[in-house]
């Protein structure tokens, strides 16, 4: 089974543990790198062509506006060999109850028919929101596995929870390979 870990993560000013903190690496990227360490696979960082504002509050306003407009921000790069992947571990922070709009753009850029998507999300109290149902709506011919929600402020200590989730999903090192 060939694995792709695709994720959107925002470093810089973020809301963590009840206050704004400047993160040198975004929480979702930390989780993605733990997943890669555990199962191998290739990574693809979903990056919008136009960066979000530096300030946390400004970013949340832009993200909310994008969601209301059902925007699809252009993203940098492409996964050229998407057909080769059987399993896509899809990571993102929960923004306004779902995935950031660049993740929607990523999902709409490819045909995921016959693949399995395992979503993982970082949050500060809102869990996966309705992101799993949004993924199912965008990728109807895809198997969507049970998602994992990781509180952003605890992502540094989440390796055992991530490992258990991967094992339960059949994507552990022994079950998936790379």
C-alpha atoms as a PDB file:
ATOM      1  CA  UNK A   1       0.000   0.000   0.000  1.00  0.00           C
ATOM      2  CA  UNK A   2       1.461   3.377  -1.015  1.00  0.00           C
ATOM      3  CA  UNK A   3       0.822   6.210   1.464  1.00  0.00           C
ATOM      4  CA  UNK A   4       0.560   9.953   0.979  1.00  0.00           C
ATOM      5  CA  UNK A   5       0.403  12.304   3.964  1.00  0.00           C
ATOM      6  CA  UNK A   6      -1.143  15.528   2.642  1.00  0.00           C
ATOM      7  CA  UNK A   7      -1.648  18.339   5.102  1.00  0.00           C
ATOM      8  CA  UNK A   8      -2.263  22.021   5.578  1.00  0.00           C
ATOM      9  CA  UNK A   9      -0.617  23.603   8.606  1.00  0.00           C
ATOM     10  CA  UNK A  10      -0.189  27.190   9.707  1.00  0.00           C
ATOM     11  CA  UNK A  11       2.908  28.245  11.579  1.00  0.00           C
ATOM     12  CA  UNK A  12       3.148  31.648  13.235  1.00  0.00           C
ATOM     13  CA  UNK A  13       0.482  33.245  15.397  1.00  0.00           C
ATOM     14  CA  UNK A  14      -2.058  30.615  16.439  1.00  0.00           C
ATOM     15  CA  UNK A  15      -4.532  30.071  19.242  1.00  0.00           C
ATOM     16  CA  UNK A  16      -3.156  27.392  21.563  1.00  0.00           C
ATOM     17  CA  UNK A  17      -4.301  26.454  25.046  1.00  0.00           C
ATOM     18  CA  UNK A  18      -6.404  29.548  25.580  1.00  0.00           C
ATOM     19  CA  UNK A  19      -3.999  32.177  24.267  1.00  0.00           C
ATOM     20  CA  UNK A  20      -2.243  33.302  21.128  1.00  0.00           C
ATOM     21  CA  UNK A  21       1.224  31.816  20.580  1.00  0.00           C
ATOM     22  CA  UNK A  22       3.788  32.110  17.834  1.00  0.00           C
ATOM     23  CA  UNK A  23       4.541  28.586  16.588  1.00  0.00           C
ATOM     24  CA  UNK A  24       7.713  27.949  14.559  1.00  0.00           C
ATOM     25  CA  UNK A  25       6.006  24.826  13.136  1.00  0.00           C
ATOM     26  CA  UNK A  26       2.240  24.458  12.891  1.00  0.00           C
ATOM     27  CA  UNK A  27       0.481  21.837  15.017  1.00  0.00           C
ATOM     28  CA  UNK A  28      -0.844  19.890  12.030  1.00  0.00           C
ATOM     29  CA  UNK A  29       2.637  19.665  10.525  1.00  0.00           C
ATOM     30  CA  UNK A  30       3.928  18.238  13.812  1.00  0.00           C
ATOM     31  CA  UNK A  31       1.213  15.556  13.663  1.00  0.00           C
ATOM     32  CA  UNK A  32       1.983  14.854   9.972  1.00  0.00           C
ATOM     33  CA  UNK A  33       5.659  14.327  10.745  1.00  0.00           C
ATOM     34  CA  UNK A  34       4.800  11.923  13.584  1.00  0.00           C
ATOM     35  CA  UNK A  35       2.580   9.987  11.171  1.00  0.00           C
ATOM     36  CA  UNK A  36       5.385   9.828   8.610  1.00  0.00           C
ATOM     37  CA  UNK A  37       7.775   8.570  11.290  1.00  0.00           C
ATOM     38  CA  UNK A  38       5.280   5.829  12.225  1.00  0.00           C
ATOM     39  CA  UNK A  39       4.156   4.634   8.774  1.00  0.00           C
ATOM     40  CA  UNK A  40       6.553   6.097   6.247  1.00  0.00           C
ATOM     41  CA  UNK A  41       5.003   7.414   3.091  1.00  0.00           C
ATOM     42  CA  UNK A  42       5.411  10.609   1.138  1.00  0.00           C
ATOM     43  CA  UNK A  43       4.344  14.059   2.289  1.00  0.00           C
ATOM     44  CA  UNK A  44       2.685  16.908   0.435  1.00  0.00           C
ATOM     45  CA  UNK A  45       2.229  20.222   2.205  1.00  0.00           C
ATOM     46  CA  UNK A  46      -0.923  21.979   1.003  1.00  0.00           C
ATOM     47  CA  UNK A  47       0.085  25.628   0.697  1.00  0.00           C
ATOM     48  CA  UNK A  48      -2.055  28.457  -0.650  1.00  0.00           C
ATOM     49  CA  UNK A  49      -0.438  30.646  -3.308  1.00  0.00           C
ATOM     50  CA  UNK A  50      -1.414  33.687  -1.242  1.00  0.00           C
ATOM     51  CA  UNK A  51      -0.353  33.458   2.398  1.00  0.00           C
ATOM     52  CA  UNK A  52      -2.818  34.192   5.158  1.00  0.00           C
ATOM     53  CA  UNK A  53      -2.187  37.323   7.238  1.00  0.00           C
ATOM     54  CA  UNK A  54       0.414  37.119   9.979  1.00  0.00           C
ATOM     55  CA  UNK A  55      -2.007  37.975  12.777  1.00  0.00           C
ATOM     56  CA  UNK A  56      -4.229  35.251  14.181  1.00  0.00           C
ATOM     57  CA  UNK A  57      -7.411  37.384  14.281  1.00  0.00           C
ATOM     58  CA  UNK A  58      -6.801  38.632  10.730  1.00  0.00           C
ATOM     59  CA  UNK A  59      -6.344  35.063   9.535  1.00  0.00           C
ATOM     60  CA  UNK A  60      -9.577  33.931  11.174  1.00  0.00           C
ATOM     61  CA  UNK A  61     -11.460  36.778   9.472  1.00  0.00           C
ATOM     62  CA  UNK A  62     -10.034  35.849   6.061  1.00  0.00           C
ATOM     63  CA  UNK A  63     -10.756  32.145   6.676  1.00  0.00           C
ATOM     64  CA  UNK A  64     -14.358  32.921   7.647  1.00  0.00           C
ATOM     65  CA  UNK A  65     -14.814  35.075   4.545  1.00  0.00           C
ATOM     66  CA  UNK A  66     -13.394  32.306   2.325  1.00  0.00           C
ATOM     67  CA  UNK A  67     -15.786  29.822   3.891  1.00  0.00           C
ATOM     68  CA  UNK A  68     -18.817  32.081   3.392  1.00  0.00           C
ATOM     69  CA  UNK A  69     -17.816  32.571  -0.258  1.00  0.00           C
ATOM     70  CA  UNK A  70     -17.102  28.855  -0.712  1.00  0.00           C
ATOM     71  CA  UNK A  71     -13.712  29.980  -2.051  1.00  0.00           C
ATOM     72  CA  UNK A  72     -11.077  27.664  -3.450  1.00  0.00           C
ATOM     73  CA  UNK A  73      -7.715  29.369  -2.955  1.00  0.00           C
ATOM     74  CA  UNK A  74      -5.106  28.291  -5.471  1.00  0.00           C
ATOM     75  CA  UNK A  75      -2.476  26.015  -3.992  1.00  0.00           C
ATOM     76  CA  UNK A  76       1.228  25.674  -4.688  1.00  0.00           C
ATOM     77  CA  UNK A  77       2.367  22.557  -6.541  1.00  0.00           C
ATOM     78  CA  UNK A  78       0.724  19.276  -7.421  1.00  0.00           C
ATOM     79  CA  UNK A  79       1.001  15.625  -6.533  1.00  0.00           C
ATOM     80  CA  UNK A  80       2.051  14.364  -9.954  1.00  0.00           C
ATOM     81  CA  UNK A  81       1.585  10.670  -9.233  1.00  0.00           C
ATOM     82  CA  UNK A  82      -1.637  10.736  -7.198  1.00  0.00           C
ATOM     83  CA  UNK A  83      -2.871   7.587  -8.976  1.00  0.00           C
ATOM     84  CA  UNK A  84      -0.094   5.594  -7.280  1.00  0.00           C
ATOM     85  CA  UNK A  85      -1.386   6.229  -3.752  1.00  0.00           C
ATOM     86  CA  UNK A  86      -3.843   3.889  -2.071  1.00  0.00           C
ATOM     87  CA  UNK A  87      -4.063   5.665   1.280  1.00  0.00           C
ATOM     88  CA  UNK A  88      -4.146   9.414   1.861  1.00  0.00           C
ATOM     89  CA  UNK A  89      -3.735  10.673   5.408  1.00  0.00           C
ATOM     90  CA  UNK A  90      -5.258  14.151   5.219  1.00  0.00           C
ATOM     91  CA  UNK A  91      -4.350  16.682   7.900  1.00  0.00           C
ATOM     92  CA  UNK A  92      -5.651  20.149   8.676  1.00  0.00           C
ATOM     93  CA  UNK A  93      -6.563  22.466  11.536  1.00  0.00           C
ATOM     94  CA  UNK A  94     -10.249  22.936  12.303  1.00  0.00           C
ATOM     95  CA  UNK A  95     -11.199  26.390  11.047  1.00  0.00           C
ATOM     96  CA  UNK A  96     -14.795  27.442  11.623  1.00  0.00           C
ATOM     97  CA  UNK A  97     -16.009  23.868  12.050  1.00  0.00           C
ATOM     98  CA  UNK A  98     -14.275  22.271   9.075  1.00  0.00           C
ATOM     99  CA  UNK A  99     -11.100  22.234   6.972  1.00  0.00           C
ATOM    100  CA  UNK A 100      -9.416  25.393   5.697  1.00  0.00           C
ATOM    101  CA  UNK A 101     -10.523  26.188   2.151  1.00  0.00           C
ATOM    102  CA  UNK A 102      -7.122  25.304   0.598  1.00  0.00           C
ATOM    103  CA  UNK A 103      -7.833  21.712   1.714  1.00  0.00           C
ATOM    104  CA  UNK A 104     -11.159  21.819  -0.150  1.00  0.00           C
ATOM    105  CA  UNK A 105      -9.212  23.009  -3.223  1.00  0.00           C
ATOM    106  CA  UNK A 106      -6.753  20.124  -2.807  1.00  0.00           C
ATOM    107  CA  UNK A 107      -9.536  17.540  -2.568  1.00  0.00           C
ATOM    108  CA  UNK A 108     -11.257  18.903  -5.672  1.00  0.00           C
ATOM    109  CA  UNK A 109      -8.017  18.854  -7.691  1.00  0.00           C
ATOM    110  CA  UNK A 110      -7.779  15.034  -7.808  1.00  0.00           C
ATOM    111  CA  UNK A 111      -9.854  11.929  -8.323  1.00  0.00           C
ATOM    112  CA  UNK A 112      -9.755   9.962  -5.071  1.00  0.00           C
ATOM    113  CA  UNK A 113     -12.044   7.170  -6.357  1.00  0.00           C
ATOM    114  CA  UNK A 114     -11.056   3.803  -4.919  1.00  0.00           C
ATOM    115  CA  UNK A 115      -8.670   5.323  -2.388  1.00  0.00           C
ATOM    116  CA  UNK A 116      -8.963   5.549   1.376  1.00  0.00           C
ATOM    117  CA  UNK A 117      -8.701   8.908   3.117  1.00  0.00           C
ATOM    118  CA  UNK A 118      -7.951   9.025   6.841  1.00  0.00           C
ATOM    119  CA  UNK A 119      -8.492  12.552   8.157  1.00  0.00           C
ATOM    120  CA  UNK A 120      -6.584  13.986  11.095  1.00  0.00           C
ATOM    121  CA  UNK A 121      -7.225  17.380  12.541  1.00  0.00           C
ATOM    122  CA  UNK A 122      -5.759  19.720  15.122  1.00  0.00           C
ATOM    123  CA  UNK A 123      -8.106  21.910  17.120  1.00  0.00           C
ATOM    124  CA  UNK A 124      -8.512  23.842  20.338  1.00  0.00           C
ATOM    125  CA  UNK A 125     -11.798  22.346  21.488  1.00  0.00           C
ATOM    126  CA  UNK A 126     -13.933  21.805  18.386  1.00  0.00           C
ATOM    127  CA  UNK A 127     -12.699  18.362  17.331  1.00  0.00           C
ATOM    128  CA  UNK A 128     -13.235  17.344  13.725  1.00  0.00           C
ATOM    129  CA  UNK A 129     -16.319  19.545  13.389  1.00  0.00           C
ATOM    130  CA  UNK A 130     -18.148  18.567  10.202  1.00  0.00           C
ATOM    131  CA  UNK A 131     -14.953  18.023   8.208  1.00  0.00           C
ATOM    132  CA  UNK A 132     -15.513  14.268   7.822  1.00  0.00           C
ATOM    133  CA  UNK A 133     -18.919  14.804   6.208  1.00  0.00           C
ATOM    134  CA  UNK A 134     -17.417  17.539   4.000  1.00  0.00           C
ATOM    135  CA  UNK A 135     -14.748  15.096   2.805  1.00  0.00           C
ATOM    136  CA  UNK A 136     -17.423  12.470   2.101  1.00  0.00           C
ATOM    137  CA  UNK A 137     -19.403  15.020   0.090  1.00  0.00           C
ATOM    138  CA  UNK A 138     -16.333  16.066  -1.935  1.00  0.00           C
ATOM    139  CA  UNK A 139     -15.046  12.508  -2.468  1.00  0.00           C
ATOM    140  CA  UNK A 140     -18.119  10.268  -2.760  1.00  0.00           C
ATOM    141  CA  UNK A 141     -16.315   7.327  -4.414  1.00  0.00           C
ATOM    142  CA  UNK A 142     -13.694   7.229  -1.675  1.00  0.00           C
ATOM    143  CA  UNK A 143     -13.553   5.280   1.578  1.00  0.00           C
ATOM    144  CA  UNK A 144     -13.326   7.764   4.428  1.00  0.00           C
ATOM    145  CA  UNK A 145     -11.921   6.231   7.587  1.00  0.00           C
ATOM    146  CA  UNK A 146     -12.533   7.374  11.135  1.00  0.00           C
ATOM    147  CA  UNK A 147     -10.774  10.668  11.726  1.00  0.00           C
ATOM    148  CA  UNK A 148      -8.485  11.654  14.565  1.00  0.00           C
ATOM    149  CA  UNK A 149      -8.852  14.971  16.392  1.00  0.00           C
ATOM    150  CA  UNK A 150      -5.775  16.160  18.289  1.00  0.00           C
ATOM    151  CA  UNK A 151      -5.878  19.167  20.568  1.00  0.00           C
ATOM    152  CA  UNK A 152      -3.234  21.507  19.179  1.00  0.00           C
ATOM    153  CA  UNK A 153      -1.750  22.349  22.551  1.00  0.00           C
ATOM    154  CA  UNK A 154      -1.163  18.643  23.155  1.00  0.00           C
ATOM    155  CA  UNK A 155       0.174  17.616  19.753  1.00  0.00           C
ATOM    156  CA  UNK A 156       3.751  17.357  21.069  1.00  0.00           C
ATOM    157  CA  UNK A 157       2.620  14.497  23.326  1.00  0.00           C
ATOM    158  CA  UNK A 158       0.191  12.811  20.931  1.00  0.00           C
ATOM    159  CA  UNK A 159       2.414  10.114  19.400  1.00  0.00           C
ATOM    160  CA  UNK A 160       0.775   7.250  21.308  1.00  0.00           C
ATOM    161  CA  UNK A 161      -2.737   8.443  20.356  1.00  0.00           C
ATOM    162  CA  UNK A 162      -1.658   8.816  16.732  1.00  0.00           C
ATOM    163  CA  UNK A 163      -0.087   5.361  16.756  1.00  0.00           C
ATOM    164  CA  UNK A 164      -3.246   3.785  18.225  1.00  0.00           C
ATOM    165  CA  UNK A 165      -5.408   5.532  15.600  1.00  0.00           C
ATOM    166  CA  UNK A 166      -3.160   4.308  12.783  1.00  0.00           C
ATOM    167  CA  UNK A 167      -3.234   0.748  14.128  1.00  0.00           C
ATOM    168  CA  UNK A 168      -7.031   0.828  14.462  1.00  0.00           C
ATOM    169  CA  UNK A 169      -7.296   2.053  10.869  1.00  0.00           C
ATOM    170  CA  UNK A 170      -4.966  -0.683   9.590  1.00  0.00           C
ATOM    171  CA  UNK A 171      -2.328   1.862   8.613  1.00  0.00           C
ATOM    172  CA  UNK A 172       0.275   0.926  11.173  1.00  0.00           C
ATOM    173  CA  UNK A 173       3.798   0.237  10.023  1.00  0.00           C
ATOM    174  CA  UNK A 174       3.175  -3.495   9.753  1.00  0.00           C
ATOM    175  CA  UNK A 175      -0.202  -3.076   8.044  1.00  0.00           C
ATOM    176  CA  UNK A 176       0.568  -0.438   5.469  1.00  0.00           C
ATOM    177  CA  UNK A 177       4.202  -0.393   4.525  1.00  0.00           C
ATOM    178  CA  UNK A 178       5.317   2.505   2.419  1.00  0.00           C
END
